C-alpha atoms as a PDB file:
ATOM      1  CA  MET A   1     114.298 127.281 -41.054  1.00  0.00           C
ATOM      2  CA  ILE A   2     114.908 130.631 -42.685  1.00  0.00           C
ATOM      3  CA  GLY A   3     118.040 129.248 -44.301  1.00  0.00           C
ATOM      4  CA  ALA A   4     116.086 126.236 -45.597  1.00  0.00           C
ATOM      5  CA  ALA A   5     113.567 128.323 -47.540  1.00  0.00           C
ATOM      6  CA  PRO A   6     115.258 127.699 -50.924  1.00  0.00           C
ATOM      7  CA  GLN A   7     115.006 123.932 -50.396  1.00  0.00           C
ATOM      8  CA  LEU A   8     111.373 124.232 -49.362  1.00  0.00           C
ATOM      9  CA  LEU A   9     110.440 126.325 -52.399  1.00  0.00           C
ATOM     10  CA  ALA A  10     112.369 124.036 -54.741  1.00  0.00           C
ATOM     11  CA  TRP A  11     110.495 121.050 -53.303  1.00  0.00           C
ATOM     12  CA  TYR A  12     107.191 122.841 -53.829  1.00  0.00           C
ATOM     13  CA  ARG A  13     108.079 123.612 -57.447  1.00  0.00           C
ATOM     14  CA  ASP A  14     108.680 119.916 -58.093  1.00  0.00           C
ATOM     15  CA  HIS A  15     106.202 118.212 -55.769  1.00  0.00           C
ATOM     16  CA  GLY A  16     103.614 120.751 -54.627  1.00  0.00           C
ATOM     17  CA  ARG A  17      99.947 120.761 -55.593  1.00  0.00           C
ATOM     18  CA  SER A  18     100.268 123.728 -57.911  1.00  0.00           C
ATOM     19  CA  HIS A  19      97.626 122.151 -60.166  1.00  0.00           C
ATOM     20  CA  LEU A  20      94.846 123.078 -57.732  1.00  0.00           C
ATOM     21  CA  PRO A  21      92.662 125.713 -59.417  1.00  0.00           C
ATOM     22  CA  TRP A  22      92.927 128.199 -56.541  1.00  0.00           C
ATOM     23  CA  ARG A  23      96.726 127.934 -56.780  1.00  0.00           C
ATOM     24  CA  GLN A  24      96.621 128.984 -60.440  1.00  0.00           C
ATOM     25  CA  THR A  25      94.887 132.303 -59.880  1.00  0.00           C
ATOM     26  CA  ARG A  26      95.393 135.498 -57.919  1.00  0.00           C
ATOM     27  CA  ASP A  27      91.752 136.518 -58.349  1.00  0.00           C
ATOM     28  CA  PRO A  28      90.625 137.635 -54.872  1.00  0.00           C
ATOM     29  CA  TYR A  29      87.091 136.335 -55.373  1.00  0.00           C
ATOM     30  CA  SER A  30      88.248 132.855 -56.376  1.00  0.00           C
ATOM     31  CA  ILE A  31      90.654 132.758 -53.437  1.00  0.00           C
ATOM     32  CA  VAL A  32      87.941 133.776 -50.967  1.00  0.00           C
ATOM     33  CA  VAL A  33      85.588 131.083 -52.272  1.00  0.00           C
ATOM     34  CA  SER A  34      88.297 128.432 -51.951  1.00  0.00           C
ATOM     35  CA  GLU A  35      89.185 129.476 -48.407  1.00  0.00           C
ATOM     36  CA  PHE A  36      85.555 129.304 -47.274  1.00  0.00           C
ATOM     37  CA  MET A  37      85.089 125.893 -48.884  1.00  0.00           C
ATOM     38  CA  LEU A  38      88.322 124.437 -47.515  1.00  0.00           C
ATOM     39  CA  GLN A  39      87.397 125.191 -43.910  1.00  0.00           C
ATOM     40  CA  GLN A  40      87.014 121.758 -42.251  1.00  0.00           C
ATOM     41  CA  THR A  41      86.627 120.087 -45.667  1.00  0.00           C
ATOM     42  CA  GLN A  42      89.095 117.934 -47.601  1.00  0.00           C
ATOM     43  CA  VAL A  43      90.481 119.098 -50.935  1.00  0.00           C
ATOM     44  CA  ASP A  44      89.047 116.146 -52.879  1.00  0.00           C
ATOM     45  CA  ARG A  45      85.514 117.033 -51.772  1.00  0.00           C
ATOM     46  CA  VAL A  46      85.986 120.713 -52.527  1.00  0.00           C
ATOM     47  CA  LEU A  47      87.401 120.446 -56.053  1.00  0.00           C
ATOM     48  CA  PRO A  48      84.289 119.546 -58.128  1.00  0.00           C
ATOM     49  CA  ILE A  49      81.978 121.800 -56.102  1.00  0.00           C
ATOM     50  CA  TYR A  50      84.432 124.700 -56.253  1.00  0.00           C
ATOM     51  CA  GLU A  51      84.679 124.565 -60.019  1.00  0.00           C
ATOM     52  CA  ALA A  52      80.901 124.341 -60.468  1.00  0.00           C
ATOM     53  CA  PHE A  53      80.373 127.168 -57.962  1.00  0.00           C
ATOM     54  CA  ILE A  54      82.829 129.490 -59.711  1.00  0.00           C
ATOM     55  CA  ALA A  55      81.178 128.706 -63.041  1.00  0.00           C
ATOM     56  CA  ALA A  56      77.743 129.550 -61.633  1.00  0.00           C
ATOM     57  CA  PHE A  57      78.852 132.608 -59.646  1.00  0.00           C
ATOM     58  CA  PRO A  58      82.074 133.955 -61.241  1.00  0.00           C
ATOM     59  CA  SER A  59      82.396 137.171 -59.225  1.00  0.00           C
ATOM     60  CA  PHE A  60      81.376 139.009 -56.092  1.00  0.00           C
ATOM     61  CA  ALA A  61      78.757 140.805 -58.184  1.00  0.00           C
ATOM     62  CA  ALA A  62      77.278 137.556 -59.474  1.00  0.00           C
ATOM     63  CA  LEU A  63      77.181 136.002 -56.023  1.00  0.00           C
ATOM     64  CA  ALA A  64      75.692 139.092 -54.396  1.00  0.00           C
ATOM     65  CA  ALA A  65      72.953 139.266 -57.034  1.00  0.00           C
ATOM     66  CA  VAL A  66      71.391 135.899 -56.173  1.00  0.00           C
ATOM     67  CA  ASP A  67      69.403 134.808 -53.152  1.00  0.00           C
ATOM     68  CA  ALA A  68      71.126 133.192 -50.189  1.00  0.00           C
ATOM     69  CA  GLY A  69      69.056 130.075 -50.802  1.00  0.00           C
ATOM     70  CA  ASP A  70      70.635 129.703 -54.262  1.00  0.00           C
ATOM     71  CA  VAL A  71      74.084 129.810 -52.657  1.00  0.00           C
ATOM     72  CA  VAL A  72      73.151 127.152 -50.108  1.00  0.00           C
ATOM     73  CA  ARG A  73      71.818 124.950 -52.902  1.00  0.00           C
ATOM     74  CA  ALA A  74      75.100 125.305 -54.794  1.00  0.00           C
ATOM     75  CA  TRP A  75      76.922 124.393 -51.567  1.00  0.00           C
ATOM     76  CA  ARG A  76      75.422 120.891 -51.570  1.00  0.00           C
ATOM     77  CA  GLY A  77      77.991 118.266 -50.630  1.00  0.00           C
ATOM     78  CA  LEU A  78      80.228 120.482 -48.506  1.00  0.00           C
ATOM     79  CA  GLY A  79      78.309 120.622 -45.233  1.00  0.00           C
ATOM     80  CA  TYR A  80      78.634 123.425 -42.668  1.00  0.00           C
ATOM     81  CA  ASN A  81      76.088 125.426 -44.674  1.00  0.00           C
ATOM     82  CA  SER A  82      76.480 128.517 -42.519  1.00  0.00           C
ATOM     83  CA  ARG A  83      79.708 129.094 -44.469  1.00  0.00           C
ATOM     84  CA  ALA A  84      77.634 129.577 -47.617  1.00  0.00           C
ATOM     85  CA  VAL A  85      75.442 132.157 -45.889  1.00  0.00           C
ATOM     86  CA  ARG A  86      78.488 134.048 -44.596  1.00  0.00           C
ATOM     87  CA  LEU A  87      80.127 133.963 -48.027  1.00  0.00           C
ATOM     88  CA  HIS A  88      76.971 135.409 -49.569  1.00  0.00           C
ATOM     89  CA  ALA A  89      76.883 138.144 -46.912  1.00  0.00           C
ATOM     90  CA  LEU A  90      80.559 138.872 -47.593  1.00  0.00           C
ATOM     91  CA  ALA A  91      79.874 139.273 -51.322  1.00  0.00           C
ATOM     92  CA  ARG A  92      77.074 141.748 -50.641  1.00  0.00           C
ATOM     93  CA  THR A  93      79.264 143.688 -48.203  1.00  0.00           C
ATOM     94  CA  VAL A  94      82.090 143.864 -50.745  1.00  0.00           C
ATOM     95  CA  MET A  95      79.659 145.194 -53.345  1.00  0.00           C
ATOM     96  CA  GLU A  96      77.927 147.659 -51.031  1.00  0.00           C
ATOM     97  CA  THR A  97      80.903 148.898 -49.000  1.00  0.00           C
ATOM     98  CA  HIS A  98      83.951 148.388 -51.206  1.00  0.00           C
ATOM     99  CA  GLY A  99      82.591 148.921 -54.701  1.00  0.00           C
ATOM    100  CA  GLY A 100      83.019 145.271 -55.627  1.00  0.00           C
ATOM    101  CA  VAL A 101      86.751 145.231 -54.855  1.00  0.00           C
ATOM    102  CA  LEU A 102      87.999 143.031 -52.021  1.00  0.00           C
ATOM    103  CA  PRO A 103      90.092 145.136 -49.637  1.00  0.00           C
ATOM    104  CA  GLN A 104      93.692 144.138 -49.056  1.00  0.00           C
ATOM    105  CA  SER A 105      94.343 145.424 -45.542  1.00  0.00           C
ATOM    106  CA  ARG A 106      94.091 142.984 -42.658  1.00  0.00           C
ATOM    107  CA  ASP A 107      91.721 145.186 -40.654  1.00  0.00           C
ATOM    108  CA  ALA A 108      89.345 145.667 -43.583  1.00  0.00           C
ATOM    109  CA  LEU A 109      89.319 141.928 -44.295  1.00  0.00           C
ATOM    110  CA  LEU A 110      88.637 141.098 -40.651  1.00  0.00           C
ATOM    111  CA  ALA A 111      85.609 143.401 -40.748  1.00  0.00           C
ATOM    112  CA  LEU A 112      83.990 141.277 -43.469  1.00  0.00           C
ATOM    113  CA  PRO A 113      81.496 138.495 -42.628  1.00  0.00           C
ATOM    114  CA  GLY A 114      83.083 135.088 -42.085  1.00  0.00           C
ATOM    115  CA  ILE A 115      86.720 136.216 -42.147  1.00  0.00           C
ATOM    116  CA  GLY A 116      88.917 135.565 -39.124  1.00  0.00           C
ATOM    117  CA  PRO A 117      92.689 135.921 -38.649  1.00  0.00           C
ATOM    118  CA  TYR A 118      93.573 132.725 -40.535  1.00  0.00           C
ATOM    119  CA  THR A 119      91.386 133.478 -43.564  1.00  0.00           C
ATOM    120  CA  ALA A 120      92.566 137.097 -43.664  1.00  0.00           C
ATOM    121  CA  ALA A 121      96.204 135.962 -43.739  1.00  0.00           C
ATOM    122  CA  ALA A 122      95.455 133.307 -46.378  1.00  0.00           C
ATOM    123  CA  VAL A 123      93.650 135.791 -48.627  1.00  0.00           C
ATOM    124  CA  ARG A 124      96.459 138.323 -48.269  1.00  0.00           C
ATOM    125  CA  ALA A 125      99.068 135.686 -49.110  1.00  0.00           C
ATOM    126  CA  PHE A 126      97.269 133.924 -51.948  1.00  0.00           C
ATOM    127  CA  ALA A 127      95.385 136.803 -53.594  1.00  0.00           C
ATOM    128  CA  PHE A 128      97.693 139.737 -52.930  1.00  0.00           C
ATOM    129  CA  GLU A 129     101.033 137.897 -52.475  1.00  0.00           C
ATOM    130  CA  CYS A 130     101.671 139.531 -49.122  1.00  0.00           C
ATOM    131  CA  ASP A 131     104.237 137.950 -46.822  1.00  0.00           C
ATOM    132  CA  ASP A 132     101.622 136.852 -44.282  1.00  0.00           C
ATOM    133  CA  ALA A 133     101.675 133.395 -42.711  1.00  0.00           C
ATOM    134  CA  ALA A 134      98.345 131.543 -42.845  1.00  0.00           C
ATOM    135  CA  LEU A 135      98.973 129.679 -39.638  1.00  0.00           C
ATOM    136  CA  ASP A 136      97.096 126.538 -38.748  1.00  0.00           C
ATOM    137  CA  THR A 137      97.887 123.431 -36.713  1.00  0.00           C
ATOM    138  CA  ASN A 138      99.836 121.843 -39.562  1.00  0.00           C
ATOM    139  CA  ILE A 139     102.174 124.772 -40.150  1.00  0.00           C
ATOM    140  CA  ARG A 140     102.745 125.284 -36.442  1.00  0.00           C
ATOM    141  CA  ARG A 141     103.642 121.586 -36.180  1.00  0.00           C
ATOM    142  CA  ILE A 142     106.264 121.913 -38.913  1.00  0.00           C
ATOM    143  CA  VAL A 143     107.741 125.048 -37.365  1.00  0.00           C
ATOM    144  CA  HIS A 144     107.946 123.379 -33.951  1.00  0.00           C
ATOM    145  CA  ARG A 145     109.650 120.263 -35.315  1.00  0.00           C
ATOM    146  CA  VAL A 146     112.143 122.128 -37.468  1.00  0.00           C
ATOM    147  CA  MET A 147     113.108 124.765 -34.926  1.00  0.00           C
ATOM    148  CA  LEU A 148     112.501 123.127 -31.525  1.00  0.00           C
ATOM    149  CA  GLY A 149     112.030 119.382 -31.966  1.00  0.00           C
ATOM    150  CA  LEU A 150     108.978 117.169 -31.454  1.00  0.00           C
ATOM    151  CA  GLU A 151     105.860 119.028 -30.415  1.00  0.00           C
ATOM    152  CA  TYR A 152     105.265 116.838 -27.340  1.00  0.00           C
ATOM    153  CA  PRO A 153     105.545 118.502 -24.922  1.00  0.00           C
ATOM    154  CA  PRO A 154     105.133 121.891 -26.627  1.00  0.00           C
ATOM    155  CA  LEU A 155     108.191 124.071 -26.165  1.00  0.00           C
ATOM    156  CA  ALA A 156     106.636 127.283 -27.469  1.00  0.00           C
ATOM    157  CA  SER A 157     103.228 128.938 -27.479  1.00  0.00           C
ATOM    158  CA  ALA A 158     101.139 129.341 -30.613  1.00  0.00           C
ATOM    159  CA  GLN A 159     102.031 133.048 -30.645  1.00  0.00           C
ATOM    160  CA  GLU A 160     105.753 132.270 -30.482  1.00  0.00           C
ATOM    161  CA  LEU A 161     105.463 129.724 -33.297  1.00  0.00           C
ATOM    162  CA  ASP A 162     103.516 132.260 -35.352  1.00  0.00           C
ATOM    163  CA  ALA A 163     106.313 134.794 -34.963  1.00  0.00           C
ATOM    164  CA  ILE A 164     108.926 132.241 -36.041  1.00  0.00           C
ATOM    165  CA  ALA A 165     106.850 131.264 -39.063  1.00  0.00           C
ATOM    166  CA  THR A 166     106.298 134.856 -40.162  1.00  0.00           C
ATOM    167  CA  ASP A 167     110.015 135.595 -39.909  1.00  0.00           C
ATOM    168  CA  ALA A 168     110.728 132.512 -42.070  1.00  0.00           C
ATOM    169  CA  ILE A 169     108.818 133.759 -45.133  1.00  0.00           C
ATOM    170  CA  PRO A 170     111.232 134.821 -47.903  1.00  0.00           C
ATOM    171  CA  VAL A 171     110.601 138.356 -49.083  1.00  0.00           C
ATOM    172  CA  ASP A 172     107.853 138.515 -51.721  1.00  0.00           C
ATOM    173  CA  ARG A 173     107.303 134.737 -51.632  1.00  0.00           C
ATOM    174  CA  GLY A 174     104.328 134.571 -49.273  1.00  0.00           C
ATOM    175  CA  HIS A 175     102.109 132.754 -51.787  1.00  0.00           C
ATOM    176  CA  ASP A 176     104.537 129.940 -52.546  1.00  0.00           C
ATOM    177  CA  TRP A 177     105.850 129.639 -48.975  1.00  0.00           C
ATOM    178  CA  ASN A 178     102.356 129.162 -47.545  1.00  0.00           C
ATOM    179  CA  SER A 179     101.434 126.757 -50.326  1.00  0.00           C
ATOM    180  CA  ALA A 180     104.610 124.759 -49.756  1.00  0.00           C
ATOM    181  CA  MET A 181     104.129 124.553 -45.996  1.00  0.00           C
ATOM    182  CA  MET A 182     100.513 123.433 -46.393  1.00  0.00           C
ATOM    183  CA  ASP A 183     101.499 120.720 -48.852  1.00  0.00           C
ATOM    184  CA  LEU A 184     104.427 119.636 -46.720  1.00  0.00           C
ATOM    185  CA  GLY A 185     102.142 119.243 -43.714  1.00  0.00           C
ATOM    186  CA  SER A 186      99.566 117.206 -45.617  1.00  0.00           C
ATOM    187  CA  THR A 187     101.918 114.898 -47.527  1.00  0.00           C
ATOM    188  CA  VAL A 188     105.289 114.689 -45.714  1.00  0.00           C
ATOM    189  CA  CYS A 189     105.488 116.222 -42.232  1.00  0.00           C
ATOM    190  CA  MET A 190     102.256 114.606 -41.089  1.00  0.00           C
ATOM    191  CA  ALA A 191     101.012 114.483 -37.522  1.00  0.00           C
ATOM    192  CA  ARG A 192     101.363 110.729 -36.959  1.00  0.00           C
ATOM    193  CA  ALA A 193     103.582 109.305 -39.702  1.00  0.00           C
ATOM    194  CA  PRO A 194     106.081 111.884 -40.972  1.00  0.00           C
ATOM    195  CA  LYS A 195     108.188 110.934 -43.987  1.00  0.00           C
ATOM    196  CA  CYS A 196     111.423 112.536 -42.854  1.00  0.00           C
ATOM    197  CA  LEU A 197     113.576 111.003 -45.594  1.00  0.00           C
ATOM    198  CA  LEU A 198     111.461 112.807 -48.208  1.00  0.00           C
ATOM    199  CA  CYS A 199     111.391 116.146 -46.431  1.00  0.00           C
ATOM    200  CA  PRO A 200     113.240 119.117 -47.958  1.00  0.00           C
ATOM    201  CA  LEU A 201     113.803 120.471 -44.423  1.00  0.00           C
ATOM    202  CA  GLN A 202     115.346 117.325 -42.942  1.00  0.00           C
ATOM    203  CA  GLN A 203     118.887 118.698 -42.827  1.00  0.00           C
ATOM    204  CA  SER A 204     117.859 121.678 -40.717  1.00  0.00           C
ATOM    205  CA  CYS A 205     115.120 119.951 -38.678  1.00  0.00           C
ATOM    206  CA  VAL A 206     115.777 119.470 -34.972  1.00  0.00           C
ATOM    207  CA  ALA A 207     113.239 116.610 -34.773  1.00  0.00           C
ATOM    208  CA  SER A 208     114.471 114.642 -37.805  1.00  0.00           C
ATOM    209  CA  PRO A 209     114.464 111.711 -38.109  1.00  0.00           C
ATOM    210  CA  VAL A 210     111.208 111.178 -36.230  1.00  0.00           C
ATOM    211  CA  ASP A 211     110.596 107.749 -34.739  1.00  0.00           C
ATOM    212  CA  ALA A 212     106.908 107.007 -35.418  1.00  0.00           C
ATOM    213  CA  THR A 213     106.545 104.756 -32.375  1.00  0.00           C
ATOM    214  CA  CYS A 214     108.064 107.359 -30.071  1.00  0.00           C
ATOM    215  CA  LEU A 215     105.896 110.057 -31.641  1.00  0.00           C
ATOM    216  CA  SER A 216     102.760 107.971 -31.070  1.00  0.00           C
ATOM    217  CA  THR A 217     103.656 107.346 -27.434  1.00  0.00           C
ATOM    218  CA  LEU A 218     104.322 111.021 -26.774  1.00  0.00           C
ATOM    219  CA  ALA A 219     101.134 112.058 -28.557  1.00  0.00           C
ATOM    220  CA  LYS A 220      99.025 109.717 -26.442  1.00  0.00           C
ATOM    221  CA  ALA A 221     100.714 110.905 -23.255  1.00  0.00           C
ATOM    222  CA  HIS A 222      99.890 114.530 -24.016  1.00  0.00           C
ATOM    223  CA  ALA A 223      96.453 114.014 -25.589  1.00  0.00           C
ATOM    224  CA  LYS A 224      93.462 115.512 -23.887  1.00  0.00           C
ATOM    225  CA  ARG A 225      91.223 112.920 -22.303  1.00  0.00           C
ATOM    226  CA  ALA A 226      88.590 112.006 -24.855  1.00  0.00           C
ATOM    227  CA  PRO A 227      84.957 111.282 -23.994  1.00  0.00           C
ATOM    228  CA  GLN A 228      84.332 107.647 -23.155  1.00  0.00           C
ATOM    229  CA  ALA A 229      82.093 107.229 -26.169  1.00  0.00           C
ATOM    230  CA  SER A 230      81.333 109.489 -29.112  1.00  0.00           C
ATOM    231  CA  LEU A 231      77.858 109.821 -30.552  1.00  0.00           C
ATOM    232  CA  PRO A 232      77.093 108.108 -33.867  1.00  0.00           C
ATOM    233  CA  PHE A 233      76.792 110.760 -36.575  1.00  0.00           C
ATOM    234  CA  GLU A 234      73.082 109.975 -37.019  1.00  0.00           C
ATOM    235  CA  ARG A 235      72.457 111.146 -33.479  1.00  0.00           C
ATOM    236  CA  THR A 236      74.269 114.466 -33.736  1.00  0.00           C
ATOM    237  CA  THR A 237      72.718 117.888 -34.203  1.00  0.00           C
ATOM    238  CA  ARG A 238      74.785 118.295 -37.339  1.00  0.00           C
ATOM    239  CA  PHE A 239      73.026 115.266 -38.853  1.00  0.00           C
ATOM    240  CA  LEU A 240      69.607 116.764 -38.130  1.00  0.00           C
ATOM    241  CA  ARG A 241      70.621 120.140 -39.538  1.00  0.00           C
ATOM    242  CA  GLY A 242      71.930 118.489 -42.684  1.00  0.00           C
ATOM    243  CA  ARG A 243      68.754 116.497 -43.299  1.00  0.00           C
ATOM    244  CA  ILE A 244      66.567 119.589 -42.869  1.00  0.00           C
ATOM    245  CA  ILE A 245      68.662 121.663 -45.263  1.00  0.00           C
ATOM    246  CA  GLU A 246      68.846 118.846 -47.809  1.00  0.00           C
ATOM    247  CA  ARG A 247      65.059 118.547 -47.779  1.00  0.00           C
ATOM    248  CA  LEU A 248      64.606 122.294 -48.246  1.00  0.00           C
ATOM    249  CA  ARG A 249      67.168 122.294 -51.068  1.00  0.00           C
ATOM    250  CA  ASP A 250      64.910 119.937 -52.993  1.00  0.00           C
ATOM    251  CA  GLU A 251      62.024 122.386 -52.964  1.00  0.00           C
ATOM    252  CA  PRO A 252      61.864 124.201 -56.333  1.00  0.00           C
ATOM    253  CA  GLY A 253      62.586 127.906 -56.342  1.00  0.00           C
ATOM    254  CA  LEU A 254      61.282 129.637 -53.256  1.00  0.00           C
ATOM    255  CA  GLU A 255      58.447 127.183 -52.534  1.00  0.00           C
ATOM    256  CA  VAL A 256      57.695 127.088 -48.820  1.00  0.00           C
ATOM    257  CA  MET A 257      57.210 123.967 -46.733  1.00  0.00           C
ATOM    258  CA  THR A 258      55.260 123.677 -43.521  1.00  0.00           C
ATOM    259  CA  ILE A 259      56.940 122.284 -40.437  1.00  0.00           C
ATOM    260  CA  SER A 260      54.451 119.424 -40.371  1.00  0.00           C
ATOM    261  CA  ALA A 261      55.302 118.518 -43.976  1.00  0.00           C
ATOM    262  CA  LEU A 262      59.000 118.666 -43.153  1.00  0.00           C
ATOM    263  CA  ILE A 263      58.515 116.343 -40.186  1.00  0.00           C
ATOM    264  CA  HIS A 264      56.438 113.986 -42.336  1.00  0.00           C
ATOM    265  CA  ASP A 265      59.237 113.753 -44.899  1.00  0.00           C
ATOM    266  CA  LEU A 266      61.966 113.242 -42.309  1.00  0.00           C
ATOM    267  CA  VAL A 267      60.220 110.869 -39.933  1.00  0.00           C
ATOM    268  CA  THR A 268      61.757 107.839 -41.647  1.00  0.00           C
ATOM    269  CA  VAL A 269      65.178 109.485 -41.986  1.00  0.00           C
ATOM    270  CA  VAL A 270      66.044 110.679 -38.488  1.00  0.00           C
ATOM    271  CA  PRO A 271      66.018 108.599 -35.296  1.00  0.00           C
ATOM    272  CA  PRO A 272      62.413 108.368 -33.973  1.00  0.00           C
ATOM    273  CA  ASP A 273      63.274 109.874 -30.597  1.00  0.00           C
ATOM    274  CA  ARG A 274      64.735 112.970 -32.282  1.00  0.00           C
ATOM    275  CA  VAL A 275      61.813 113.879 -34.530  1.00  0.00           C
ATOM    276  CA  ALA A 276      60.519 116.229 -31.832  1.00  0.00           C
ATOM    277  CA  GLU A 277      63.740 118.274 -32.112  1.00  0.00           C
ATOM    278  CA  ILE A 278      63.109 119.248 -35.736  1.00  0.00           C
ATOM    279  CA  PRO A 279      61.131 122.464 -34.968  1.00  0.00           C
ATOM    280  CA  HIS A 280      63.854 123.582 -32.543  1.00  0.00           C
ATOM    281  CA  ILE A 281      66.606 122.973 -35.123  1.00  0.00           C
ATOM    282  CA  VAL A 282      64.574 124.919 -37.685  1.00  0.00           C
ATOM    283  CA  ASP A 283      64.380 127.853 -35.244  1.00  0.00           C
ATOM    284  CA  VAL A 284      68.163 127.770 -34.873  1.00  0.00           C
ATOM    285  CA  LEU A 285      68.635 127.730 -38.657  1.00  0.00           C
ATOM    286  CA  VAL A 286      66.293 130.714 -38.933  1.00  0.00           C
ATOM    287  CA  LYS A 287      68.344 132.638 -36.351  1.00  0.00           C
ATOM    288  CA  GLU A 288      71.544 131.773 -38.233  1.00  0.00           C
ATOM    289  CA  GLY A 289      70.083 133.128 -41.472  1.00  0.00           C
ATOM    290  CA  ILE A 290      70.096 129.843 -43.368  1.00  0.00           C
ATOM    291  CA  VAL A 291      66.321 129.320 -43.326  1.00  0.00           C
ATOM    292  CA  ARG A 292      63.562 131.907 -43.745  1.00  0.00           C
ATOM    293  CA  ALA A 293      60.282 131.509 -41.886  1.00  0.00           C
ATOM    294  CA  SER A 294      56.949 133.088 -42.770  1.00  0.00           C
ATOM    295  CA  GLU A 295      53.333 132.554 -41.852  1.00  0.00           C
ATOM    296  CA  HIS A 296      53.091 130.115 -44.758  1.00  0.00           C
ATOM    297  CA  GLY A 297      56.051 127.934 -43.832  1.00  0.00           C
ATOM    298  CA  ILE A 298      59.830 127.771 -44.260  1.00  0.00           C
ATOM    299  CA  THR A 299      62.297 127.847 -47.146  1.00  0.00           C
ATOM    300  CA  LEU A 300      65.977 128.416 -47.679  1.00  0.00           C
ATOM    301  CA  ARG A 301      66.664 132.062 -47.029  1.00  0.00           C
ATOM    302  CA  SER A 302      66.124 134.271 -50.074  1.00  0.00           C
ATOM    303  CA  SER A 303      67.863 137.466 -48.988  1.00  0.00           C
END
């Protein structure tokens, strides 16, 4: 794989998604915002919200200066609203502890709210052009296929694959290598239907060419047993959380709403047998810092 790096980077130059706005900047703030938004969210959903968010809050200073509720309102459409709260807390920490400058070291990044090992590596690679590997399931899959063959059964641990991937990064090309691997995993070396004939790594790939039928059979054989039936989205806690936050977003400014008024507005939206759970979900949102409660009622958190 190390020897195939030139082919990978050449493919990225010609076919990669370099047009994405977070690929066209090395601004640490813009990179951090994109990484928070892209967690568990598809690129197409992120793009319009990302651009509007950056326009509204163009820096750590601008984001730290507003209330958390304003950030959650601007997050509309992305879901997983706790990410917005953590991003706001990160901005305030950067301003208060680091003088408004995002630190570059891994340890300092990991100490910031909402940043784990993957996000720290991604920020270091994309903002500071360090030769870190932002390792997720997709990149590990590519590494396994190229170096070891099909990933079923796994022939190496995640830690071993991470070491191989890190060694494969060409010197001073961490940004483009990570970008190329991410794009390769989402458009060519996909989990279920890889397009081996289009892959720049096919000549050095142990698994190529992958037989899709064989891959499907192996994947099913090694899949974890799934629950017999999954809950409809409308019956999940995430659905209830989303409806509560959406209703509070519609309140102007910092206007508070009583729990009874909230229940009244949601009684026709959520399943009847789950209306009683609304106060409990509100309590959880308060503990998570998304909602603020006072003697007068609740609102999106303002600090």
